[in-house]
Amino acid sequence: MSLQQVNAFYEVLISDQAIYEQYLKKCCRRGFFGSCHWDKTKIVNFATTIGYKFTEDELAQVLFEDEASFCDSSLNLSAHGQLS
């Protein structure tokens, strides 16, 4: 259930620019060359303020699953010669 909360939270972020701007301001620490360093604790706390409830571990699980899926897709494309 909480993994669904993480996904729903990110759906709201991508669909509502005002909420995304608040999220960016409160949860991102700017690094060199404008890179963003995300604070999982701040993300979880921010999500709570707009009605979502999940843990840092659940957040990490969803984020790392997405990265793994992207990597798997990239590997599959290169294995089939579709990626140069």
Protein backbone atom coordinates (compact mmCIF):
# COMPACT_ATOMS: atom_id res chain seq x y z
CA MET A 1 0.00 0.00 0.00
CA SER A 2 2.72 2.51 0.90
CA LEU A 3 4.56 1.83 -2.37
CA GLN A 4 1.36 2.94 -4.08
CA GLN A 5 1.51 6.08 -1.95
CA VAL A 6 5.01 6.82 -3.26
CA ASN A 7 3.87 6.37 -6.85
CA ALA A 8 0.77 8.50 -6.29
CA PHE A 9 2.91 11.21 -4.68
CA TYR A 10 5.18 11.38 -7.73
CA GLU A 11 2.16 11.45 -10.04
CA VAL A 12 0.97 14.57 -8.20
CA LEU A 13 4.44 16.12 -8.47
CA ILE A 14 4.57 15.71 -12.23
CA SER A 15 1.02 16.97 -12.71
CA ASP A 16 1.04 20.04 -10.43
CA GLN A 17 3.75 22.61 -11.07
CA ALA A 18 3.08 24.60 -7.86
CA ILE A 19 3.50 21.49 -5.69
CA TYR A 20 6.61 20.49 -7.64
CA GLU A 21 8.16 23.91 -7.04
CA GLN A 22 7.49 23.60 -3.29
CA TYR A 23 8.98 20.08 -3.36
CA LEU A 24 12.08 21.31 -5.17
CA LYS A 25 12.55 24.23 -2.77
CA LYS A 26 12.09 22.12 0.39
CA CYS A 27 13.73 18.81 -0.55
CA CYS A 28 16.64 19.66 -2.87
CA ARG A 29 20.02 20.98 -1.86
CA ARG A 30 21.81 22.50 -4.84
CA GLY A 31 25.32 21.29 -5.59
CA PHE A 32 27.97 22.14 -8.14
CA PHE A 33 26.79 22.97 -11.65
CA GLY A 34 23.18 23.16 -10.47
CA SER A 35 22.90 19.48 -9.54
CA CYS A 36 20.26 18.53 -7.01
CA HIS A 37 20.94 16.45 -3.91
CA TRP A 38 17.68 15.02 -2.60
CA ASP A 39 17.06 14.49 1.10
CA LYS A 40 14.85 11.43 1.63
CA THR A 41 13.77 12.58 5.10
CA LYS A 42 12.63 15.93 3.72
CA ILE A 43 10.81 14.20 0.84
CA VAL A 44 8.91 11.92 3.25
CA ASN A 45 8.04 14.88 5.48
CA PHE A 46 6.91 16.98 2.50
CA ALA A 47 4.76 14.13 1.20
CA THR A 48 3.10 13.90 4.61
CA THR A 49 2.13 17.58 4.45
CA ILE A 50 0.10 16.93 1.28
CA GLY A 51 -1.51 13.72 2.52
CA TYR A 52 0.84 10.89 1.52
CA LYS A 53 2.37 8.45 3.98
CA PHE A 54 5.40 6.26 3.29
CA THR A 55 8.83 5.58 4.76
CA GLU A 56 12.30 6.43 3.50
CA ASP A 57 12.86 2.73 2.76
CA GLU A 58 9.70 2.58 0.66
CA LEU A 59 10.75 5.73 -1.18
CA ALA A 60 14.18 4.24 -1.91
CA GLN A 61 12.61 0.97 -3.05
CA VAL A 62 10.44 2.72 -5.63
CA LEU A 63 13.30 4.93 -6.83
CA PHE A 64 15.74 2.04 -7.18
CA GLU A 65 13.15 -0.18 -8.89
CA ASP A 66 12.65 2.55 -11.50
CA GLU A 67 16.42 2.81 -12.05
CA ALA A 68 16.70 -0.98 -12.38
CA SER A 69 13.86 -1.06 -14.91
CA PHE A 70 15.51 1.70 -16.93
CA CYS A 71 18.87 -0.10 -16.87
CA ASP A 72 17.26 -3.40 -17.85
CA SER A 73 15.49 -1.71 -20.77
CA SER A 74 18.73 -0.10 -21.92
CA LEU A 75 20.57 -3.40 -21.72
CA ASN A 76 17.83 -5.15 -23.69
CA LEU A 77 17.93 -2.50 -26.42
CA SER A 78 21.71 -2.70 -26.76
CA ALA A 79 21.60 -6.52 -26.82
CA HIS A 80 19.25 -6.38 -29.78
CA GLY A 81 21.35 -3.84 -31.65
CA GLN A 82 18.71 -1.13 -31.28
CA LEU A 83 21.00 1.16 -29.33
CA SER A 84 24.17 2.48 -30.91
